[in-house]
N, C-alpha and C. Protein backbone atom coordinates (compact mmCIF):
# COMPACT_ATOMS: atom_id res chain seq x y z
N MET A 1 0.89 -1.57 0.16
CA MET A 1 0.02 0.06 -0.07
C MET A 1 0.82 1.30 -0.09
N SER A 2 0.82 2.04 -1.15
CA SER A 2 1.61 3.23 -1.13
C SER A 2 0.59 4.64 -0.45
N THR A 3 1.36 5.74 0.17
CA THR A 3 0.67 6.70 0.32
C THR A 3 1.34 8.17 -0.51
N SER A 4 0.58 8.41 -0.65
CA SER A 4 0.64 9.75 -1.22
C SER A 4 1.48 10.69 -0.65
N ARG A 5 2.13 11.37 -1.48
CA ARG A 5 2.78 12.61 -0.49
C ARG A 5 2.02 13.83 -0.32
N LYS A 6 2.36 13.99 0.65
CA LYS A 6 1.55 15.73 1.52
C LYS A 6 2.74 16.87 1.64
N THR A 7 2.17 17.90 0.49
CA THR A 7 3.15 18.86 0.73
C THR A 7 2.06 20.16 1.43
N ILE A 8 2.66 21.43 1.93
CA ILE A 8 1.80 22.16 2.50
C ILE A 8 3.05 23.46 1.70
N ASP A 9 2.33 24.62 1.28
CA ASP A 9 2.69 25.42 0.85
C ASP A 9 3.69 26.73 2.14
N VAL A 10 5.30 27.03 1.64
CA VAL A 10 5.63 27.58 2.53
C VAL A 10 4.98 28.95 2.82
N LYS A 11 4.07 29.36 2.21
CA LYS A 11 3.40 30.77 2.47
C LYS A 11 2.30 30.39 3.59
N THR A 12 1.93 29.37 3.71
CA THR A 12 0.81 29.16 4.48
C THR A 12 1.37 28.96 5.69
N VAL A 13 2.51 28.08 5.76
CA VAL A 13 3.12 27.76 7.23
C VAL A 13 3.79 29.08 7.78
N LYS A 14 4.20 30.20 6.98
CA LYS A 14 4.80 31.48 7.27
C LYS A 14 3.53 32.36 7.92
N THR A 15 2.40 32.24 7.14
CA THR A 15 0.96 32.96 7.75
C THR A 15 0.72 32.49 9.04
N MET A 16 0.59 31.27 9.38
CA MET A 16 0.41 30.31 10.58
C MET A 16 1.66 31.06 11.47
N ALA A 17 2.78 30.76 11.33
CA ALA A 17 3.61 31.31 12.17
C ALA A 17 3.85 32.80 12.81
N ASN A 18 3.30 33.51 12.19
CA ASN A 18 2.82 34.99 12.24
C ASN A 18 2.05 34.89 13.10
N HIS A 19 1.17 34.58 12.70
CA HIS A 19 -0.14 34.56 13.57
C HIS A 19 -0.05 34.06 15.06
N PHE A 20 0.74 33.03 15.13
CA PHE A 20 1.05 32.51 16.34
C PHE A 20 1.99 33.58 17.12
N LEU A 21 3.00 34.15 16.50
CA LEU A 21 4.06 34.86 17.04
C LEU A 21 3.05 36.13 17.54
N ALA A 22 2.21 36.72 16.74
CA ALA A 22 1.64 37.86 17.45
C ALA A 22 0.55 37.70 18.37
N ALA A 23 0.13 36.56 18.80
CA ALA A 23 -0.93 36.09 19.72
C ALA A 23 -0.22 36.63 20.96
N LYS A 24 -1.34 36.86 21.96
CA LYS A 24 -1.35 37.36 23.33
C LYS A 24 -0.91 36.11 23.63
N ASN A 25 -1.46 35.15 24.09
CA ASN A 25 -1.47 33.84 24.42
C ASN A 25 -0.27 33.09 24.66
N THR A 26 0.68 33.14 23.29
CA THR A 26 1.83 32.98 23.37
C THR A 26 3.07 33.19 24.13
N ASN A 27 3.63 32.28 24.91
CA ASN A 27 4.64 33.39 25.79
C ASN A 27 5.91 32.83 24.93
N ASP A 28 6.95 33.34 26.01
CA ASP A 28 8.22 33.76 25.12
C ASP A 28 8.97 32.46 24.71
N ASP A 29 8.80 31.34 25.83
CA ASP A 29 9.50 30.42 25.12
C ASP A 29 8.72 29.45 23.79
N GLU A 30 7.63 30.09 24.02
CA GLU A 30 6.92 29.33 22.42
C GLU A 30 7.28 29.82 21.31
N ARG A 31 7.31 31.34 21.86
CA ARG A 31 7.23 32.10 20.48
C ARG A 31 8.86 32.14 19.78
N GLN A 32 9.84 31.73 20.70
CA GLN A 32 11.26 31.37 20.23
C GLN A 32 11.26 30.11 19.55
N ALA A 33 10.47 28.94 20.10
CA ALA A 33 10.28 28.01 19.25
C ALA A 33 9.51 28.18 18.09
N ILE A 34 8.64 28.77 17.98
CA ILE A 34 8.01 29.04 16.49
C ILE A 34 9.27 29.79 15.47
N ALA A 35 9.43 30.76 16.16
CA ALA A 35 10.46 31.67 15.17
C ALA A 35 11.75 31.13 14.72
N SER A 36 12.27 30.11 15.97
CA SER A 36 13.26 29.01 14.75
C SER A 36 12.98 28.32 13.96
N PHE A 37 11.82 27.34 14.28
CA PHE A 37 11.27 26.48 13.26
C PHE A 37 10.96 27.48 11.89
N ILE A 38 10.29 28.55 11.99
CA ILE A 38 10.02 29.13 10.50
C ILE A 38 11.24 29.72 9.99
N GLU A 39 11.94 29.77 10.81
CA GLU A 39 13.16 30.52 9.71
C GLU A 39 14.04 29.57 9.54
N SER A 40 14.27 28.11 10.09
CA SER A 40 14.74 26.88 9.65
C SER A 40 13.93 26.72 8.12
N ILE A 41 12.85 26.57 7.98
CA ILE A 41 11.61 26.42 7.19
C ILE A 41 12.28 27.23 5.78
N LEU A 42 12.27 28.45 6.26
CA LEU A 42 12.34 29.81 5.09
C LEU A 42 14.05 29.47 4.62
N MET A 43 14.56 29.05 5.40
CA MET A 43 15.96 29.43 4.88
C MET A 43 16.28 28.20 3.99
N GLU A 44 15.72 26.79 4.51
CA GLU A 44 15.99 25.47 3.49
C GLU A 44 15.30 25.86 2.84
N SER A 45 14.31 26.34 2.30
CA SER A 45 13.39 26.42 1.12
C SER A 45 14.03 27.71 0.18
N GLY A 46 14.76 28.30 0.84
CA GLY A 46 14.99 29.67 0.14
C GLY A 46 14.57 30.67 -0.34
N ASN A 47 13.36 30.58 0.90
CA ASN A 47 12.63 31.91 0.84
C ASN A 47 12.57 32.81 1.94
N TYR A 48 13.72 32.99 2.94
CA TYR A 48 13.95 33.64 4.13
C TYR A 48 14.05 35.28 3.46
N LYS A 49 13.47 36.07 4.14
CA LYS A 49 13.42 37.39 3.57
C LYS A 49 13.30 38.73 4.86
N GLY A 50 14.01 37.96 5.53
CA GLY A 50 14.09 38.47 6.92
C GLY A 50 12.68 38.79 7.77
N PHE A 51 12.96 39.14 9.01
CA PHE A 51 11.90 39.71 9.77
C PHE A 51 11.74 41.41 9.95
N SER A 52 10.65 41.60 10.48
CA SER A 52 10.61 43.06 11.45
C SER A 52 9.43 42.79 12.89
N TYR A 53 10.23 43.79 13.57
CA TYR A 53 9.05 43.99 14.80
C TYR A 53 8.23 44.27 14.54
N LEU A 54 7.02 43.78 15.26
CA LEU A 54 5.75 44.50 15.58
C LEU A 54 5.74 45.64 16.14
N GLU A 55 4.88 46.83 15.71
CA GLU A 55 4.63 47.96 16.46
C GLU A 55 3.69 47.61 17.93
N THR A 56 4.12 48.34 18.70
CA THR A 56 3.35 48.12 19.75
C THR A 56 1.94 48.07 19.64
N ASP A 57 0.89 48.79 18.66
CA ASP A 57 -0.24 48.82 18.42
C ASP A 57 -0.55 47.59 17.64
N GLU A 58 0.30 46.91 17.33
CA GLU A 58 -0.02 45.60 16.71
C GLU A 58 -0.31 44.59 17.67
N VAL A 59 0.09 44.67 18.41
CA VAL A 59 0.20 43.53 19.46
C VAL A 59 -0.57 43.83 20.99
N ALA A 60 -1.18 42.73 21.62
CA ALA A 60 -2.06 42.83 22.58
C ALA A 60 -0.65 42.43 23.61
N GLY A 61 -0.68 43.08 24.97
CA GLY A 61 0.31 42.41 25.54
C GLY A 61 1.79 43.13 25.70
N ALA A 62 2.60 42.57 26.54
CA ALA A 62 3.98 42.73 26.62
C ALA A 62 5.07 41.77 25.51
N GLY A 63 6.11 42.36 25.58
CA GLY A 63 6.97 41.30 24.50
C GLY A 63 7.13 42.17 23.15
N THR A 64 8.58 41.48 22.91
CA THR A 64 8.59 42.00 21.36
C THR A 64 8.10 40.57 20.28
N ARG A 65 7.56 41.18 19.55
CA ARG A 65 6.68 40.20 18.65
C ARG A 65 7.52 40.49 17.19
N ARG A 66 7.78 39.60 16.15
CA ARG A 66 8.19 39.44 14.73
C ARG A 66 7.18 39.12 13.84
N ARG A 67 7.37 39.54 12.74
CA ARG A 67 6.70 39.35 11.49
C ARG A 67 7.64 38.76 10.55
N TYR A 68 7.48 37.67 10.16
CA TYR A 68 8.51 37.22 8.74
C TYR A 68 8.02 38.08 7.65
N SER A 69 8.60 38.03 6.63
CA SER A 69 8.41 38.81 5.22
C SER A 69 8.20 37.55 4.45
């Protein structure tokens, strides 16, 4: 029995990561893990274009947040 290969678009994964990175209920350790994970995917796939810090009016709660381009 063979299984078909499933893939997901890198843009979709990046959008998901950006959502979790901006969420107020994500703690700093989770945020660092997500950032490392998405950076690895973006670099390995040749899609890394850097990140920017979110402005204070774009986040709820404390902490520095990033968004990947």
